[in-house]
């Protein structure tokens, strides 16, 4: 009986400990910088962020959003900013860029072009415009793969303000690496 009771006690302790480790959807709250995007959860961590750390991070994105919805890659980038600023990293210490290729390039276009790329009877507006604008104002640099823009026939004049074209995604990532950026694919 003692052994069985011990197993129950151990299982109960594990359950209580595991409940405090896992965050549910209700644990995510607006962040300090982009309060409408990239909700974050408070996390107890054993990896401290050294004071004065500068994050030079190069994000890669190739998946397009569902038409009319936010691109998950952009939301993750907003979450990255909110998480680190909430932990005391100065916004000026976040040097971020995103390299975009594949179907995701459409999420970086003006509404008139964006709507022509949809096969739905009533095309949606580009839900990413405001978030891209806010991220650009925070200093995030966006580079679209030039090879992809040619492949999908995306005219430069249809790109959102602040979005630039690189020779290719591979070129942009290589230059970022030479400039000391770490690659954060998602």
N, C-alpha and C. Protein backbone atom coordinates (compact mmCIF):
# COMPACT_ATOMS: atom_id res chain seq x y z
N UNK A 1 0.82 -1.18 0.00
CA UNK A 1 0.00 0.00 0.00
C UNK A 1 0.87 1.26 0.00
N UNK A 2 1.99 1.20 0.77
CA UNK A 2 2.88 2.35 0.82
C UNK A 2 3.44 2.65 -0.57
N UNK A 3 3.78 1.63 -1.32
CA UNK A 3 4.33 1.81 -2.66
C UNK A 3 3.30 2.46 -3.57
N UNK A 4 2.07 1.99 -3.51
CA UNK A 4 1.01 2.56 -4.36
C UNK A 4 0.78 4.03 -3.99
N UNK A 5 0.74 4.34 -2.69
CA UNK A 5 0.56 5.71 -2.24
C UNK A 5 1.71 6.59 -2.73
N UNK A 6 2.92 6.06 -2.70
CA UNK A 6 4.10 6.78 -3.18
C UNK A 6 3.98 7.11 -4.66
N UNK A 7 3.46 6.17 -5.44
CA UNK A 7 3.27 6.41 -6.88
C UNK A 7 2.25 7.53 -7.11
N UNK A 8 1.16 7.51 -6.34
CA UNK A 8 0.15 8.56 -6.47
C UNK A 8 0.74 9.92 -6.08
N UNK A 9 1.50 9.94 -5.02
CA UNK A 9 2.12 11.18 -4.56
C UNK A 9 3.09 11.71 -5.61
N UNK A 10 3.88 10.82 -6.18
CA UNK A 10 4.83 11.21 -7.21
C UNK A 10 4.10 11.72 -8.46
N UNK A 11 3.06 11.02 -8.88
CA UNK A 11 2.29 11.43 -10.06
C UNK A 11 1.62 12.78 -9.81
N UNK A 12 1.07 12.97 -8.62
CA UNK A 12 0.43 14.24 -8.28
C UNK A 12 1.42 15.38 -8.27
N UNK A 13 2.60 15.14 -7.71
CA UNK A 13 3.64 16.17 -7.68
C UNK A 13 4.07 16.54 -9.08
N UNK A 14 4.22 15.53 -9.94
CA UNK A 14 4.61 15.78 -11.33
C UNK A 14 3.54 16.61 -12.03
N UNK A 15 2.28 16.28 -11.79
CA UNK A 15 1.18 17.01 -12.41
C UNK A 15 1.19 18.46 -11.95
N UNK A 16 1.36 18.71 -10.67
CA UNK A 16 1.39 20.09 -10.17
C UNK A 16 2.56 20.86 -10.74
N UNK A 17 3.71 20.24 -10.81
CA UNK A 17 4.89 20.90 -11.37
C UNK A 17 4.69 21.19 -12.85
N UNK A 18 4.14 20.23 -13.57
CA UNK A 18 3.98 20.42 -15.01
C UNK A 18 2.94 21.48 -15.32
N UNK A 19 1.94 21.65 -14.45
CA UNK A 19 0.94 22.68 -14.69
C UNK A 19 1.55 24.07 -14.62
N UNK A 20 2.54 24.26 -13.77
CA UNK A 20 3.15 25.58 -13.66
C UNK A 20 4.12 25.85 -14.80
N UNK A 21 4.55 24.84 -15.51
CA UNK A 21 5.50 25.00 -16.59
C UNK A 21 4.80 25.36 -17.90
N UNK A 22 3.64 24.80 -18.16
CA UNK A 22 2.97 24.99 -19.43
C UNK A 22 2.04 26.19 -19.37
N UNK A 23 2.16 27.04 -20.37
CA UNK A 23 1.29 28.21 -20.47
C UNK A 23 0.18 27.91 -21.45
N UNK A 24 -0.99 28.34 -21.12
CA UNK A 24 -2.12 28.18 -22.02
C UNK A 24 -2.39 29.50 -22.73
N UNK A 25 -3.34 29.50 -23.65
CA UNK A 25 -3.65 30.71 -24.41
C UNK A 25 -3.98 31.92 -23.54
N UNK A 26 -4.60 31.69 -22.37
CA UNK A 26 -4.96 32.81 -21.50
C UNK A 26 -3.74 33.46 -20.84
N UNK A 27 -2.59 32.80 -20.88
CA UNK A 27 -1.38 33.33 -20.27
C UNK A 27 -0.66 34.34 -21.17
N UNK A 28 -1.11 34.47 -22.41
CA UNK A 28 -0.47 35.39 -23.35
C UNK A 28 -1.17 36.74 -23.30
N UNK A 29 -0.37 37.78 -23.13
CA UNK A 29 -0.87 39.15 -22.97
C UNK A 29 -0.18 40.07 -23.97
N UNK A 30 -0.78 41.25 -24.24
CA UNK A 30 -0.12 42.20 -25.14
C UNK A 30 1.26 42.59 -24.63
N UNK A 31 2.15 42.81 -25.56
CA UNK A 31 3.52 43.20 -25.22
C UNK A 31 3.67 44.70 -25.09
N UNK A 32 4.85 45.16 -24.66
CA UNK A 32 5.07 46.57 -24.39
C UNK A 32 5.30 47.45 -25.62
N UNK A 33 5.60 46.85 -26.77
CA UNK A 33 5.94 47.65 -27.94
C UNK A 33 4.83 47.58 -28.98
N UNK A 34 4.49 46.38 -29.39
CA UNK A 34 3.44 46.16 -30.40
C UNK A 34 2.25 45.52 -29.70
N UNK A 35 1.47 46.33 -29.03
CA UNK A 35 0.41 45.81 -28.16
C UNK A 35 -0.70 45.07 -28.90
N UNK A 36 -0.84 45.30 -30.20
CA UNK A 36 -1.89 44.62 -30.97
C UNK A 36 -1.39 43.33 -31.64
N UNK A 37 -0.10 43.09 -31.56
CA UNK A 37 0.49 41.96 -32.27
C UNK A 37 1.52 41.26 -31.38
N UNK A 38 1.66 39.96 -31.56
CA UNK A 38 2.73 39.22 -30.89
C UNK A 38 2.60 39.14 -29.39
N UNK A 39 1.44 38.67 -28.92
CA UNK A 39 1.25 38.51 -27.48
C UNK A 39 2.32 37.61 -26.89
N UNK A 40 2.63 37.85 -25.62
CA UNK A 40 3.70 37.11 -24.95
C UNK A 40 3.23 36.59 -23.60
N UNK A 41 3.93 35.58 -23.13
CA UNK A 41 3.67 35.01 -21.81
C UNK A 41 4.91 35.23 -20.94
N UNK A 42 4.69 35.43 -19.68
CA UNK A 42 5.80 35.54 -18.73
C UNK A 42 6.36 34.14 -18.50
N UNK A 43 7.66 34.01 -18.57
CA UNK A 43 8.31 32.71 -18.46
C UNK A 43 9.44 32.79 -17.44
N UNK A 44 9.49 31.79 -16.56
CA UNK A 44 10.65 31.65 -15.68
C UNK A 44 11.73 30.94 -16.48
N UNK A 45 12.88 31.56 -16.59
CA UNK A 45 13.93 31.01 -17.44
C UNK A 45 15.23 30.83 -16.66
N UNK A 46 16.02 29.89 -17.09
CA UNK A 46 17.33 29.68 -16.49
C UNK A 46 18.45 30.23 -17.37
N UNK A 47 18.09 30.83 -18.50
CA UNK A 47 19.07 31.44 -19.39
C UNK A 47 18.88 32.95 -19.33
N UNK A 48 19.75 33.61 -18.60
CA UNK A 48 19.60 35.06 -18.45
C UNK A 48 20.16 35.77 -19.68
N UNK A 49 19.60 36.92 -19.95
CA UNK A 49 20.07 37.74 -21.07
C UNK A 49 21.10 38.72 -20.50
N UNK A 50 22.36 38.59 -20.93
CA UNK A 50 23.39 39.49 -20.42
C UNK A 50 23.04 40.96 -20.69
N UNK A 51 23.36 41.81 -19.73
CA UNK A 51 23.11 43.24 -19.89
C UNK A 51 23.83 43.74 -21.15
N UNK A 52 23.20 44.62 -21.85
CA UNK A 52 23.74 45.25 -23.07
C UNK A 52 23.86 44.28 -24.25
N UNK A 53 23.15 43.15 -24.20
CA UNK A 53 23.15 42.24 -25.35
C UNK A 53 22.50 42.93 -26.54
N UNK A 54 23.14 42.79 -27.70
CA UNK A 54 22.56 43.29 -28.94
C UNK A 54 22.15 42.07 -29.75
N UNK A 55 20.89 42.03 -30.11
CA UNK A 55 20.38 40.93 -30.93
C UNK A 55 20.36 41.36 -32.38
N UNK A 56 21.23 40.75 -33.19
CA UNK A 56 21.23 40.97 -34.63
C UNK A 56 20.68 39.67 -35.23
N UNK A 57 19.41 39.71 -35.61
CA UNK A 57 18.73 38.49 -36.02
C UNK A 57 18.13 38.68 -37.41
N UNK A 58 18.34 37.68 -38.22
CA UNK A 58 17.85 37.61 -39.60
C UNK A 58 16.77 36.53 -39.64
N UNK A 59 15.53 36.93 -39.88
CA UNK A 59 14.41 36.01 -39.95
C UNK A 59 14.16 35.62 -41.40
N UNK A 60 13.73 34.39 -41.62
CA UNK A 60 13.42 33.89 -42.95
C UNK A 60 11.93 33.57 -43.02
N UNK A 61 11.29 33.97 -44.11
CA UNK A 61 9.87 33.70 -44.25
C UNK A 61 9.54 33.36 -45.69
N UNK A 62 8.83 32.24 -45.88
CA UNK A 62 8.42 31.85 -47.23
C UNK A 62 6.94 31.49 -47.33
N UNK A 63 6.28 31.28 -46.20
CA UNK A 63 4.87 30.89 -46.21
C UNK A 63 3.97 32.12 -46.23
N UNK A 64 3.03 32.14 -47.14
CA UNK A 64 2.07 33.24 -47.21
C UNK A 64 0.98 33.04 -46.17
N UNK A 65 0.36 34.14 -45.80
CA UNK A 65 -0.79 34.09 -44.89
C UNK A 65 -2.02 33.61 -45.64
N UNK A 66 -2.98 33.10 -44.91
CA UNK A 66 -4.30 32.85 -45.47
C UNK A 66 -4.82 34.22 -45.91
N UNK A 67 -5.37 34.35 -47.12
CA UNK A 67 -5.83 35.66 -47.58
C UNK A 67 -6.70 36.38 -46.55
N UNK A 68 -6.33 37.63 -46.29
CA UNK A 68 -7.07 38.44 -45.34
C UNK A 68 -6.65 38.27 -43.89
N UNK A 69 -5.70 37.38 -43.62
CA UNK A 69 -5.22 37.11 -42.25
C UNK A 69 -3.78 37.59 -42.11
N UNK A 70 -3.35 37.74 -40.86
CA UNK A 70 -1.96 38.11 -40.58
C UNK A 70 -1.03 36.94 -40.88
N UNK A 71 0.14 37.26 -41.37
CA UNK A 71 1.15 36.25 -41.61
C UNK A 71 1.77 35.86 -40.27
N UNK A 72 1.80 34.57 -39.99
CA UNK A 72 2.34 34.06 -38.71
C UNK A 72 3.80 34.47 -38.51
N UNK A 73 4.55 34.55 -39.60
CA UNK A 73 5.95 34.95 -39.49
C UNK A 73 6.10 36.37 -38.99
N UNK A 74 5.23 37.26 -39.44
CA UNK A 74 5.27 38.64 -38.97
C UNK A 74 4.86 38.73 -37.50
N UNK A 75 3.88 37.93 -37.12
CA UNK A 75 3.43 37.91 -35.72
C UNK A 75 4.56 37.39 -34.82
N UNK A 76 5.29 36.40 -35.29
CA UNK A 76 6.43 35.88 -34.51
C UNK A 76 7.52 36.94 -34.37
N UNK A 77 7.73 37.71 -35.40
CA UNK A 77 8.71 38.79 -35.33
C UNK A 77 8.27 39.84 -34.30
N UNK A 78 6.98 40.17 -34.30
CA UNK A 78 6.44 41.10 -33.30
C UNK A 78 6.61 40.52 -31.90
N UNK A 79 6.37 39.21 -31.76
CA UNK A 79 6.54 38.56 -30.46
C UNK A 79 8.00 38.63 -30.00
N UNK A 80 8.93 38.44 -30.92
CA UNK A 80 10.36 38.53 -30.58
C UNK A 80 10.67 39.90 -29.98
N UNK A 81 10.16 40.95 -30.60
CA UNK A 81 10.39 42.30 -30.09
C UNK A 81 9.76 42.47 -28.72
N UNK A 82 8.48 42.11 -28.60
CA UNK A 82 7.78 42.27 -27.32
C UNK A 82 8.44 41.47 -26.19
N UNK A 83 8.84 40.23 -26.48
CA UNK A 83 9.46 39.39 -25.44
C UNK A 83 10.72 40.04 -24.89
N UNK A 84 11.59 40.48 -25.79
CA UNK A 84 12.89 40.96 -25.35
C UNK A 84 12.80 42.33 -24.68
N UNK A 85 11.97 43.21 -25.20
CA UNK A 85 11.80 44.51 -24.55
C UNK A 85 11.18 44.32 -23.17
N UNK A 86 10.23 43.39 -23.05
CA UNK A 86 9.61 43.16 -21.74
C UNK A 86 10.61 42.62 -20.72
N UNK A 87 11.70 42.04 -21.19
CA UNK A 87 12.73 41.52 -20.29
C UNK A 87 13.88 42.51 -20.10
N UNK A 88 13.69 43.75 -20.56
CA UNK A 88 14.68 44.80 -20.30
C UNK A 88 15.67 45.07 -21.41
N UNK A 89 15.56 44.39 -22.53
CA UNK A 89 16.46 44.67 -23.65
C UNK A 89 15.97 45.96 -24.31
N UNK A 90 16.85 46.98 -24.42
CA UNK A 90 16.43 48.22 -25.08
C UNK A 90 16.06 47.95 -26.54
N UNK A 91 15.03 48.62 -27.00
CA UNK A 91 14.60 48.47 -28.39
C UNK A 91 15.76 48.76 -29.35
N UNK A 92 16.62 49.68 -28.98
CA UNK A 92 17.77 50.01 -29.83
C UNK A 92 18.77 48.86 -29.93
N UNK A 93 18.67 47.86 -29.06
CA UNK A 93 19.56 46.70 -29.11
C UNK A 93 18.99 45.56 -29.95
N UNK A 94 17.84 45.80 -30.59
CA UNK A 94 17.25 44.80 -31.48
C UNK A 94 17.47 45.26 -32.91
N UNK A 95 18.38 44.61 -33.59
CA UNK A 95 18.68 44.90 -35.00
C UNK A 95 18.15 43.71 -35.80
N UNK A 96 16.99 43.91 -36.41
CA UNK A 96 16.27 42.80 -37.01
C UNK A 96 16.04 43.03 -38.49
N UNK A 97 16.09 41.92 -39.22
CA UNK A 97 15.73 41.97 -40.63
C UNK A 97 14.96 40.70 -40.97
N UNK A 98 14.15 40.78 -42.01
CA UNK A 98 13.40 39.62 -42.47
C UNK A 98 13.63 39.47 -43.96
N UNK A 99 14.01 38.27 -44.37
CA UNK A 99 14.19 37.94 -45.77
C UNK A 99 12.98 37.12 -46.19
N UNK A 100 12.32 37.57 -47.26
CA UNK A 100 11.05 36.99 -47.68
C UNK A 100 11.19 36.41 -49.07
N UNK A 101 10.69 35.19 -49.22
CA UNK A 101 10.70 34.54 -50.54
C UNK A 101 9.48 33.65 -50.65
N UNK A 102 9.32 33.01 -51.80
CA UNK A 102 8.16 32.15 -52.01
C UNK A 102 6.87 32.96 -52.03
N UNK A 103 5.77 32.29 -51.78
CA UNK A 103 4.45 32.92 -51.83
C UNK A 103 4.28 34.06 -50.83
N UNK A 104 5.13 34.13 -49.81
CA UNK A 104 5.02 35.17 -48.79
C UNK A 104 5.22 36.57 -49.36
N UNK A 105 5.84 36.69 -50.54
CA UNK A 105 6.07 38.03 -51.10
C UNK A 105 4.76 38.78 -51.31
N UNK A 106 3.67 38.07 -51.58
CA UNK A 106 2.39 38.75 -51.78
C UNK A 106 1.92 39.49 -50.53
N UNK A 107 2.32 39.04 -49.36
CA UNK A 107 1.92 39.69 -48.12
C UNK A 107 2.61 41.05 -47.93
N UNK A 108 3.53 41.39 -48.83
CA UNK A 108 4.28 42.65 -48.76
C UNK A 108 3.90 43.59 -49.89
N UNK A 109 2.71 43.39 -50.45
CA UNK A 109 2.26 44.20 -51.57
C UNK A 109 1.05 45.05 -51.21
N UNK A 110 0.86 46.10 -51.98
CA UNK A 110 -0.30 46.98 -51.82
C UNK A 110 -1.59 46.21 -52.08
N UNK A 111 -2.68 46.70 -51.53
CA UNK A 111 -3.96 46.02 -51.66
C UNK A 111 -4.36 45.71 -53.10
N UNK A 112 -4.16 46.65 -54.02
CA UNK A 112 -4.62 46.42 -55.39
C UNK A 112 -3.93 45.21 -56.03
N UNK A 113 -2.64 45.05 -55.78
CA UNK A 113 -1.93 43.88 -56.32
C UNK A 113 -2.29 42.63 -55.51
N UNK A 114 -2.32 42.77 -54.20
CA UNK A 114 -2.62 41.65 -53.31
C UNK A 114 -3.94 40.99 -53.70
N UNK A 115 -4.94 41.79 -53.99
CA UNK A 115 -6.25 41.25 -54.33
C UNK A 115 -6.25 40.52 -55.67
N UNK A 116 -5.38 40.93 -56.60
CA UNK A 116 -5.34 40.25 -57.89
C UNK A 116 -4.72 38.85 -57.79
N UNK A 117 -4.03 38.58 -56.69
CA UNK A 117 -3.35 37.29 -56.52
C UNK A 117 -4.23 36.23 -55.87
N UNK A 118 -5.47 36.57 -55.57
CA UNK A 118 -6.38 35.65 -54.90
C UNK A 118 -7.37 35.08 -55.91
N UNK A 119 -7.71 33.84 -55.70
CA UNK A 119 -8.66 33.17 -56.59
C UNK A 119 -10.07 33.11 -56.00
N UNK A 120 -10.31 33.93 -54.99
CA UNK A 120 -11.61 33.92 -54.32
C UNK A 120 -12.55 34.91 -55.01
N UNK A 121 -13.86 34.63 -54.97
CA UNK A 121 -14.81 35.52 -55.62
C UNK A 121 -14.78 36.95 -55.07
N UNK A 122 -14.59 37.10 -53.77
CA UNK A 122 -14.46 38.42 -53.15
C UNK A 122 -13.09 38.48 -52.47
N UNK A 123 -12.09 39.01 -53.17
CA UNK A 123 -10.75 39.04 -52.59
C UNK A 123 -10.68 39.86 -51.31
N UNK A 124 -9.80 39.43 -50.43
CA UNK A 124 -9.59 40.09 -49.14
C UNK A 124 -8.54 41.19 -49.27
N UNK A 125 -8.59 42.13 -48.33
CA UNK A 125 -7.54 43.13 -48.23
C UNK A 125 -6.32 42.51 -47.54
N UNK A 126 -5.18 43.11 -47.73
CA UNK A 126 -3.94 42.62 -47.13
C UNK A 126 -3.92 43.02 -45.65
N UNK A 127 -4.11 42.07 -44.77
CA UNK A 127 -4.16 42.33 -43.32
C UNK A 127 -2.79 42.62 -42.73
N UNK A 128 -1.73 42.47 -43.51
CA UNK A 128 -0.36 42.62 -43.00
C UNK A 128 0.18 44.03 -43.11
N UNK A 129 -0.52 44.90 -43.80
CA UNK A 129 0.01 46.24 -44.11
C UNK A 129 0.35 47.02 -42.84
N UNK A 130 -0.55 47.08 -41.88
CA UNK A 130 -0.31 47.88 -40.68
C UNK A 130 0.85 47.32 -39.85
N UNK A 131 0.91 46.00 -39.70
CA UNK A 131 1.99 45.40 -38.92
C UNK A 131 3.34 45.64 -39.60
N UNK A 132 3.41 45.48 -40.90
CA UNK A 132 4.66 45.73 -41.63
C UNK A 132 5.08 47.19 -41.46
N UNK A 133 4.12 48.09 -41.51
CA UNK A 133 4.41 49.52 -41.32
C UNK A 133 4.99 49.77 -39.93
N UNK A 134 4.35 49.21 -38.90
CA UNK A 134 4.84 49.40 -37.53
C UNK A 134 6.23 48.79 -37.34
N UNK A 135 6.44 47.61 -37.89
CA UNK A 135 7.76 46.97 -37.76
C UNK A 135 8.83 47.80 -38.48
N UNK A 136 8.49 48.33 -39.65
CA UNK A 136 9.44 49.18 -40.40
C UNK A 136 9.79 50.42 -39.58
N UNK A 137 8.79 51.02 -38.94
CA UNK A 137 9.03 52.21 -38.12
C UNK A 137 9.93 51.90 -36.93
N UNK A 138 9.93 50.64 -36.49
CA UNK A 138 10.80 50.22 -35.39
C UNK A 138 12.21 49.88 -35.87
N UNK A 139 12.44 49.96 -37.18
CA UNK A 139 13.76 49.71 -37.72
C UNK A 139 13.96 48.32 -38.32
N UNK A 140 12.93 47.50 -38.34
CA UNK A 140 13.06 46.18 -38.97
C UNK A 140 13.23 46.39 -40.47
N UNK A 141 14.20 45.72 -41.04
CA UNK A 141 14.44 45.81 -42.49
C UNK A 141 13.84 44.58 -43.17
N UNK A 142 13.14 44.83 -44.27
CA UNK A 142 12.51 43.76 -45.04
C UNK A 142 13.14 43.70 -46.42
N UNK A 143 13.60 42.48 -46.80
CA UNK A 143 14.18 42.26 -48.12
C UNK A 143 13.44 41.11 -48.79
N UNK A 144 12.88 41.40 -49.96
CA UNK A 144 12.23 40.35 -50.74
C UNK A 144 13.23 39.75 -51.70
N UNK A 145 13.10 38.46 -51.94
CA UNK A 145 13.94 37.77 -52.91
C UNK A 145 13.60 38.29 -54.31
N UNK A 146 14.57 38.89 -54.97
CA UNK A 146 14.36 39.41 -56.31
C UNK A 146 13.97 38.32 -57.31
N UNK A 147 14.54 37.14 -57.12
CA UNK A 147 14.21 36.03 -58.03
C UNK A 147 12.72 35.66 -57.89
N UNK A 148 12.24 35.70 -56.65
CA UNK A 148 10.83 35.39 -56.40
C UNK A 148 9.93 36.46 -56.98
N UNK A 149 10.31 37.73 -56.82
CA UNK A 149 9.46 38.80 -57.35
C UNK A 149 9.34 38.70 -58.87
N UNK A 150 10.41 38.31 -59.53
CA UNK A 150 10.35 38.12 -60.99
C UNK A 150 9.49 36.90 -61.32
N UNK A 151 9.69 35.80 -60.59
CA UNK A 151 8.93 34.57 -60.85
C UNK A 151 7.42 34.81 -60.72
N UNK A 152 7.02 35.55 -59.67
CA UNK A 152 5.59 35.82 -59.45
C UNK A 152 5.13 37.13 -60.07
N UNK A 153 6.01 37.77 -60.84
CA UNK A 153 5.66 38.99 -61.56
C UNK A 153 5.12 40.08 -60.62
N UNK A 154 5.87 40.32 -59.54
CA UNK A 154 5.50 41.34 -58.56
C UNK A 154 6.24 42.64 -58.92
N UNK A 155 5.50 43.65 -59.39
CA UNK A 155 6.15 44.92 -59.73
C UNK A 155 6.65 45.66 -58.49
N UNK A 156 7.82 46.25 -58.58
CA UNK A 156 8.41 46.98 -57.46
C UNK A 156 7.48 48.08 -56.96
N UNK A 157 6.76 48.73 -57.86
CA UNK A 157 5.87 49.82 -57.45
C UNK A 157 4.66 49.33 -56.67
N UNK A 158 4.44 48.02 -56.61
CA UNK A 158 3.34 47.45 -55.83
C UNK A 158 3.78 46.99 -54.43
N UNK A 159 5.06 47.21 -54.09
CA UNK A 159 5.56 46.82 -52.77
C UNK A 159 5.18 47.87 -51.73
N UNK A 160 4.99 47.43 -50.52
CA UNK A 160 4.68 48.33 -49.41
C UNK A 160 5.87 49.23 -49.12
N UNK A 161 5.62 50.43 -48.58
CA UNK A 161 6.73 51.32 -48.22
C UNK A 161 7.68 50.63 -47.22
N UNK A 162 8.97 50.85 -47.43
CA UNK A 162 9.98 50.28 -46.54
C UNK A 162 10.45 48.89 -46.94
N UNK A 163 9.78 48.27 -47.91
CA UNK A 163 10.16 46.92 -48.36
C UNK A 163 11.11 47.07 -49.54
N UNK A 164 12.23 46.36 -49.46
CA UNK A 164 13.25 46.44 -50.51
C UNK A 164 13.42 45.08 -51.18
N UNK A 165 14.07 45.09 -52.33
CA UNK A 165 14.32 43.86 -53.08
C UNK A 165 15.82 43.57 -53.07
N UNK A 166 16.18 42.33 -52.76
CA UNK A 166 17.57 41.86 -52.83
C UNK A 166 17.72 41.01 -54.10
N UNK A 167 18.92 40.76 -54.51
CA UNK A 167 19.15 39.92 -55.68
C UNK A 167 18.46 38.58 -55.50
N UNK A 168 18.59 38.02 -54.32
CA UNK A 168 17.92 36.76 -53.99
C UNK A 168 17.85 36.64 -52.47
N UNK A 169 17.04 35.71 -52.00
CA UNK A 169 16.98 35.44 -50.56
C UNK A 169 18.34 34.91 -50.09
N UNK A 170 18.95 34.06 -50.91
CA UNK A 170 20.26 33.49 -50.54
C UNK A 170 21.29 34.60 -50.37
N UNK A 171 21.26 35.58 -51.27
CA UNK A 171 22.20 36.71 -51.19
C UNK A 171 21.96 37.51 -49.92
N UNK A 172 20.70 37.81 -49.63
CA UNK A 172 20.37 38.60 -48.44
C UNK A 172 20.83 37.89 -47.16
N UNK A 173 20.59 36.58 -47.08
CA UNK A 173 21.03 35.82 -45.90
C UNK A 173 22.56 35.80 -45.79
N UNK A 174 23.24 35.65 -46.92
CA UNK A 174 24.71 35.61 -46.89
C UNK A 174 25.28 36.95 -46.43
N UNK A 175 24.72 38.05 -46.91
CA UNK A 175 25.19 39.37 -46.50
C UNK A 175 24.89 39.58 -45.02
N UNK A 176 23.71 39.18 -44.58
CA UNK A 176 23.35 39.32 -43.16
C UNK A 176 24.34 38.54 -42.28
N UNK A 177 24.70 37.34 -42.69
CA UNK A 177 25.65 36.53 -41.93
C UNK A 177 27.01 37.24 -41.84
N UNK A 178 27.46 37.83 -42.95
CA UNK A 178 28.72 38.56 -42.95
C UNK A 178 28.67 39.80 -42.05
N UNK A 179 27.47 40.33 -41.85
CA UNK A 179 27.30 41.50 -40.99
C UNK A 179 27.05 41.11 -39.52
N UNK A 180 27.14 39.82 -39.22
CA UNK A 180 27.02 39.36 -37.84
C UNK A 180 25.61 39.00 -37.39
N UNK A 181 24.68 38.84 -38.31
CA UNK A 181 23.32 38.43 -37.96
C UNK A 181 23.25 36.92 -37.79
N UNK A 182 22.47 36.47 -36.84
CA UNK A 182 22.20 35.04 -36.72
C UNK A 182 20.89 34.76 -37.45
N UNK A 183 20.80 33.60 -38.06
CA UNK A 183 19.60 33.22 -38.82
C UNK A 183 18.60 32.56 -37.90
N UNK A 184 17.38 33.06 -37.92
CA UNK A 184 16.29 32.51 -37.12
C UNK A 184 15.19 32.08 -38.09
N UNK A 185 15.31 30.88 -38.65
CA UNK A 185 14.27 30.43 -39.58
C UNK A 185 13.00 30.04 -38.84
N UNK A 186 11.87 30.20 -39.48
CA UNK A 186 10.63 29.66 -38.90
C UNK A 186 9.71 29.18 -39.92
